[in-house]
Protein backbone atom coordinates (compact mmCIF):
# COMPACT_ATOMS: atom_id res chain seq x y z
CA MET A 1 64.67 29.33 94.65
CA GLY A 2 68.10 28.38 93.44
CA VAL A 3 67.41 24.69 94.07
CA LEU A 4 64.21 24.91 92.06
CA LEU A 5 65.99 26.54 89.17
CA ALA A 6 68.71 23.92 89.29
CA LEU A 7 66.10 21.18 89.36
CA LEU A 8 64.29 22.74 86.43
CA GLY A 9 67.49 23.15 84.48
CA GLY A 10 68.41 19.51 85.12
CA LEU A 11 64.96 18.42 83.94
CA VAL A 12 65.31 20.40 80.74
CA ALA A 13 68.78 18.96 80.09
CA TYR A 14 67.49 15.44 80.76
CA SER A 15 64.63 16.02 78.32
CA PHE A 16 67.02 17.20 75.63
CA LEU A 17 69.24 14.18 76.19
CA SER A 18 66.21 11.90 75.89
CA LEU A 19 65.20 13.18 72.45
CA ARG A 20 66.05 11.21 69.32
CA VAL A 21 65.60 12.07 65.65
CA LEU A 22 64.86 9.30 63.18
CA LYS A 23 64.99 9.67 59.39
CA GLN A 24 62.09 8.85 57.14
CA TYR A 25 63.43 5.38 56.28
CA GLU A 26 64.35 4.50 59.89
CA ARG A 27 62.39 2.98 62.73
CA ALA A 28 63.40 2.55 66.38
CA VAL A 29 62.50 -0.59 68.33
CA ALA A 30 62.27 0.84 71.84
CA PHE A 31 62.77 -1.08 75.11
CA PHE A 32 61.79 0.33 78.51
CA LEU A 33 63.53 -1.37 81.38
CA GLY A 34 64.29 -4.30 79.07
CA ARG A 35 60.73 -4.78 77.86
CA TYR A 36 59.48 -4.07 74.35
CA TRP A 37 58.00 -0.60 74.40
CA GLY A 38 56.99 -0.22 70.76
CA THR A 39 58.28 0.86 67.38
CA LYS A 40 59.00 4.57 67.21
CA GLY A 41 59.56 6.96 64.31
CA PRO A 42 60.13 8.56 62.02
CA GLY A 43 60.84 12.08 63.27
CA LEU A 44 61.40 13.21 66.86
CA ILE A 45 60.90 10.61 69.58
CA PHE A 46 61.41 10.62 73.35
CA LEU A 47 63.42 7.88 75.07
CA PRO A 48 64.17 8.46 78.77
CA VAL A 49 67.89 8.22 79.31
CA GLY A 50 68.81 5.40 81.69
CA PHE A 51 65.40 3.77 81.46
CA ALA A 52 64.85 3.15 77.74
CA SER A 53 67.03 2.03 74.82
CA GLN A 54 66.50 1.63 71.11
CA LYS A 55 67.60 -0.40 68.08
CA ARG A 56 67.50 1.44 64.81
CA VAL A 57 66.33 -0.49 61.76
CA SER A 58 66.43 0.71 58.16
CA LEU A 59 63.39 -0.03 56.02
CA ARG A 60 65.18 0.44 52.68
CA ILE A 61 65.79 -2.43 50.27
CA VAL A 62 69.22 -3.97 50.81
CA ALA A 63 71.20 -5.65 48.00
CA MET A 64 73.06 -8.53 49.63
CA ASP A 65 75.77 -10.31 47.66
CA ILE A 66 75.81 -14.09 48.06
CA PRO A 67 79.42 -15.34 47.89
CA PRO A 68 80.34 -17.89 45.18
CA GLN A 69 79.22 -21.38 46.09
CA ASP A 70 80.67 -24.65 44.80
CA VAL A 71 77.69 -26.60 43.50
CA ILE A 72 77.40 -30.05 41.91
CA THR A 73 74.40 -30.17 39.61
CA ARG A 74 72.13 -33.16 39.15
CA ASP A 75 74.11 -34.29 36.09
CA ASN A 76 77.34 -34.27 38.16
CA VAL A 77 78.89 -31.07 36.81
CA SER A 78 80.88 -28.98 39.27
CA VAL A 79 80.17 -25.25 38.90
CA LYS A 80 80.72 -22.14 40.97
CA VAL A 81 77.65 -19.91 41.29
CA ASN A 82 77.09 -16.57 42.98
CA ALA A 83 73.89 -14.57 43.30
CA VAL A 84 72.43 -11.37 44.69
CA LEU A 85 69.56 -11.06 47.16
CA TYR A 86 67.24 -8.04 47.49
CA MET A 87 65.53 -7.80 50.88
CA ARG A 88 63.85 -5.28 53.15
CA VAL A 89 62.67 -5.23 56.76
CA GLN A 90 58.89 -5.43 56.87
CA SER A 91 58.46 -5.72 60.64
CA PRO A 92 61.25 -4.01 62.65
CA ALA A 93 60.10 -5.49 65.97
CA GLU A 94 60.30 -9.09 64.71
CA ALA A 95 63.64 -8.43 62.97
CA ILE A 96 65.14 -7.34 66.30
CA ILE A 97 63.33 -9.60 68.77
CA GLU A 98 63.00 -12.87 66.87
CA ILE A 99 66.60 -13.13 65.62
CA GLU A 100 69.94 -11.83 66.76
CA ASP A 101 71.36 -10.60 63.42
CA TYR A 102 68.83 -10.73 60.62
CA ARG A 103 71.30 -9.79 57.86
CA TYR A 104 73.79 -12.51 58.76
CA ALA A 105 71.02 -15.07 59.14
CA THR A 106 69.47 -14.16 55.80
CA SER A 107 72.86 -14.39 54.08
CA GLN A 108 73.55 -17.85 55.50
CA LEU A 109 70.06 -19.03 54.59
CA ALA A 110 70.50 -17.74 51.02
CA GLN A 111 73.83 -19.58 50.61
CA THR A 112 72.39 -22.86 51.90
CA THR A 113 69.29 -22.56 49.74
CA LEU A 114 71.37 -21.75 46.67
CA ARG A 115 73.46 -24.91 47.06
CA SER A 116 70.47 -27.15 47.73
CA VAL A 117 68.30 -25.84 44.89
CA LEU A 118 71.03 -25.83 42.24
CA GLY A 119 72.03 -29.34 43.26
CA GLU A 120 68.63 -30.56 42.04
CA VAL A 121 68.76 -29.05 38.54
CA GLU A 122 70.79 -29.95 35.47
CA LEU A 123 73.38 -27.71 33.91
CA ASP A 124 71.33 -26.97 30.78
CA GLU A 125 68.38 -25.91 32.93
CA LEU A 126 70.63 -23.70 35.05
CA LEU A 127 71.97 -21.91 31.97
CA SER A 128 68.73 -21.60 30.00
CA ASP A 129 65.94 -21.28 32.58
CA ARG A 130 67.22 -18.90 35.22
CA GLU A 131 63.87 -17.20 35.73
CA LYS A 132 62.40 -20.43 37.06
CA ILE A 133 65.36 -21.02 39.37
CA ASN A 134 65.23 -17.44 40.64
CA GLY A 135 61.54 -17.87 41.44
CA ILE A 136 62.21 -21.09 43.39
CA LEU A 137 65.02 -19.45 45.38
CA LYS A 138 62.88 -16.40 46.19
CA GLY A 139 59.94 -18.53 47.32
CA ILE A 140 62.02 -20.71 49.66
CA ILE A 141 64.00 -17.86 51.24
CA ASP A 142 60.95 -15.61 51.59
CA SER A 143 58.94 -18.31 53.35
CA ARG A 144 61.77 -18.97 55.80
CA THR A 145 62.45 -15.30 56.61
CA ASP A 146 58.79 -14.34 56.97
CA ALA A 147 58.90 -15.19 60.68
CA TRP A 148 61.83 -12.78 61.09
CA GLY A 149 59.91 -9.85 59.61
CA ILE A 150 62.05 -9.91 56.44
CA GLU A 151 60.58 -9.59 52.95
CA VAL A 152 62.64 -10.93 50.05
CA ALA A 153 62.05 -8.81 46.95
CA ALA A 154 64.09 -10.87 44.46
CA VAL A 155 66.90 -13.39 44.14
CA GLU A 156 69.00 -13.36 40.97
CA VAL A 157 71.66 -15.87 39.93
CA LYS A 158 74.42 -13.53 38.85
CA ASP A 159 77.22 -15.66 37.43
CA VAL A 160 77.87 -19.32 36.63
CA ASP A 161 81.55 -20.23 36.41
CA LEU A 162 82.08 -23.42 34.39
CA PRO A 163 85.25 -25.54 34.24
CA GLN A 164 87.42 -25.14 31.14
CA GLU A 165 86.76 -28.73 30.05
CA MET A 166 83.02 -28.14 30.15
CA LYS A 167 83.40 -24.88 28.19
CA ARG A 168 85.34 -26.69 25.46
CA ALA A 169 82.76 -29.49 25.36
CA MET A 170 79.93 -26.98 25.05
CA ALA A 171 81.82 -25.16 22.28
CA ARG A 172 82.21 -28.42 20.36
CA GLN A 173 78.53 -29.17 20.84
CA ALA A 174 77.54 -25.74 19.56
CA GLU A 175 79.86 -26.12 16.57
CA ALA A 176 78.40 -29.52 15.73
CA GLU A 177 74.89 -28.10 16.00
CA ARG A 178 75.81 -25.28 13.62
CA GLU A 179 77.29 -27.74 11.13
CA ARG A 180 74.16 -29.87 11.32
CA ARG A 181 71.97 -26.87 10.57
CA ALA A 182 74.23 -25.86 7.68
CA LYS A 183 74.03 -29.34 6.15
CA VAL A 184 70.25 -29.45 6.54
CA ILE A 185 69.89 -26.02 4.92
CA ALA A 186 72.22 -27.03 2.07
CA ALA A 187 70.25 -30.24 1.50
CA GLN A 188 66.98 -28.31 1.45
CA GLY A 189 68.50 -25.90 -1.07
CA GLU A 190 69.60 -28.79 -3.30
CA LEU A 191 66.09 -30.25 -3.12
CA GLN A 192 64.47 -26.97 -4.12
CA ALA A 193 67.04 -26.43 -6.88
CA SER A 194 66.46 -29.93 -8.30
CA GLN A 195 62.71 -29.38 -8.30
CA THR A 196 63.14 -26.06 -10.10
CA LEU A 197 65.54 -27.60 -12.63
CA ALA A 198 63.10 -30.43 -13.28
CA GLU A 199 60.34 -27.92 -14.00
CA ALA A 200 62.67 -25.93 -16.26
CA ALA A 201 63.64 -29.10 -18.13
CA LYS A 202 59.98 -29.87 -18.76
CA VAL A 203 59.47 -26.37 -20.23
CA LEU A 204 62.62 -26.58 -22.38
CA ALA A 205 61.63 -30.01 -23.65
CA GLN A 206 58.54 -28.53 -25.26
CA GLU A 207 60.66 -26.16 -27.41
CA PRO A 208 64.08 -27.51 -28.49
CA THR A 209 65.07 -24.07 -29.76
CA ALA A 210 64.81 -22.69 -26.24
CA LEU A 211 67.55 -25.06 -25.11
CA GLN A 212 69.87 -23.75 -27.83
CA LEU A 213 69.09 -20.15 -26.84
CA ARG A 214 69.79 -20.96 -23.22
CA TYR A 215 73.06 -22.53 -24.25
CA LEU A 216 74.10 -19.42 -26.15
CA GLN A 217 73.10 -17.22 -23.22
CA THR A 218 75.32 -19.27 -20.93
CA VAL A 219 78.23 -18.87 -23.34
CA VAL A 220 77.72 -15.09 -23.35
CA GLU A 221 77.77 -15.03 -19.55
CA ILE A 222 80.98 -17.04 -19.47
CA ALA A 223 82.62 -14.82 -22.08
CA ALA A 224 82.01 -11.75 -19.91
CA GLU A 225 84.89 -12.86 -17.70
CA ASN A 226 88.14 -11.62 -19.25
CA ASN A 227 90.32 -14.08 -17.40
CA SER A 228 88.46 -17.18 -18.57
CA THR A 229 88.95 -19.45 -21.56
CA THR A 230 85.76 -20.56 -23.29
CA ILE A 231 85.67 -23.86 -25.18
CA PHE A 232 82.89 -23.68 -27.73
CA PRO A 233 82.04 -27.12 -29.16
CA VAL A 234 80.94 -27.14 -32.80
CA PRO A 235 79.00 -30.10 -34.22
CA ILE A 236 80.93 -31.99 -36.94
CA GLU A 237 77.87 -31.86 -39.20
CA MET A 238 78.30 -28.08 -39.53
CA ILE A 239 81.84 -28.29 -40.96
CA ARG A 240 81.53 -31.59 -42.86
CA PRO A 241 80.47 -29.96 -46.21
CA PHE A 242 83.58 -27.72 -46.15
CA ILE A 243 86.12 -30.58 -45.89
CA PRO A 244 86.60 -32.36 -49.27
CA GLU A 245 87.97 -35.51 -47.80
CA LEU A 246 85.03 -35.94 -45.44
CA ARG A 247 82.63 -35.13 -48.28
CA ARG A 248 84.09 -37.90 -50.44
CA GLN A 249 83.89 -40.38 -47.56
CA ASP A 250 80.25 -39.46 -46.98
CA THR A 251 79.50 -40.04 -50.67
CA SER A 252 81.22 -43.46 -50.75
CA ALA A 253 79.60 -44.47 -47.47
CA ALA A 254 76.19 -43.48 -48.76
CA ALA A 255 76.74 -45.57 -51.87
CA ALA A 256 77.93 -48.59 -49.90
CA ASN A 257 75.22 -48.42 -47.29
CA LYS A 258 72.07 -47.60 -49.11
CA GLY A 259 69.03 -47.26 -46.94
CA THR A 260 70.92 -46.79 -43.65
CA ASP A 261 71.05 -43.58 -41.69
CA ALA A 262 74.22 -44.36 -39.77
CA LEU A 263 77.27 -42.22 -40.51
CA PRO A 264 80.70 -43.90 -40.73
CA ALA A 265 83.50 -42.68 -38.52
CA PRO A 266 85.73 -40.24 -40.37
CA ASP A 267 89.25 -41.32 -41.31
CA LEU A 268 91.42 -38.70 -39.70
CA SER A 269 94.58 -40.18 -41.20
CA ALA A 270 93.48 -38.92 -44.59
CA LEU A 271 93.30 -35.38 -43.26
CA LEU A 272 96.76 -35.58 -41.67
CA PRO A 273 98.92 -37.54 -44.10
CA GLN A 274 102.14 -36.58 -42.38
CA PHE A 275 101.21 -38.86 -39.41
CA LYS A 276 100.99 -42.55 -40.23
CA THR A 277 99.61 -44.96 -37.75
CA GLY A 278 101.79 -47.87 -36.81
CA GLU A 279 104.99 -46.28 -38.21
CA LYS A 280 107.65 -44.20 -36.51
CA THR A 281 109.13 -41.09 -38.09
CA LYS A 282 112.73 -41.61 -39.02
CA LYS A 283 115.21 -39.01 -37.88
CA PRO A 284 117.54 -37.40 -40.39
CA ASP A 285 121.05 -38.80 -40.71
CA ALA A 286 122.52 -35.62 -39.27
CA GLU A 287 120.61 -36.13 -36.07
CA GLN A 288 121.62 -39.80 -35.91
C-alpha cells in the first residue's frame, strides 16, 4: 500500500512539473524526443519532463532599431542613415525550425537591404520621397523573411545624417531659390504696377484738372509728416504780374516780337543789381 501511495505521489509530482503556463501573446513550439510535436498555447499546456521541450515565441510586434549605416547614394554623396523595423512572428514553428535566431537574421537582412536600396537612389529622392523608399524596403525584407514565418509590418527611415559641406551647399541652394522667387515676385509686382499706372494715366489725360488735384493730394500727404521738408514749385507765370521788372520785359518783348508766342528768358541781373556778372566785388580798404 505504501509503495502504491509513493508511486501515486510521484506521478502527481511529475504531472505538476510537466505543466506549463503560457500568456496570451506567447506560443510554445514543442519537441517530443527531438521531433516537432506542435505549437502549444496559450494557457495551460502539458510537456512531459525529460521527454519534451519547448521554445517560447512572442507574437507581439517588435520594434527593431537598425544601426546607422554608411551609404553612398547614386549621385556619390556619403550619408549615414538609420531606420526602424516593425516585425512580428506569424508562424512560430517556422521561426524556430527554419532559422537559428530570427531576430538577428532579420536585423542583418534589414541592414544589408538598407545599404543596397539607398545606394540606388539620389540624395534629393532620399530626402523628399521617403514613403516610396520605405515601401521598397518593406517589400524586399518582407519577401525574404516570409519563409522564416516573419511578417514585416513597416520599415521607416528614421534619420539621415549629412556631411557639413553638403548641409552648407543645400543652405546656399535654398537661399538662392528664395532670392529667385523674391525677384520674380518683385518683377511681377512692377509689371502690375506699371499696367495700373498706365491705366491711371489714360484716365487723368482725359481731365487735366484731375492731374492737378492729384498733385495737391500728394502734397497734402507729404506735409502730414512733421519731420519732412516739402518743396512746392510755383510756375513763374503766376508771379510774373507782381514783379515790375519782369512785367516791363514782357511788354518790350511783346513789342519786339509781334505775332510770336515765345517768352524771352527773364534777366535776373535786373532783379539783383548788387550782383554783376563778370565783375568781382572789391573788398574795403580796411580788409585789404
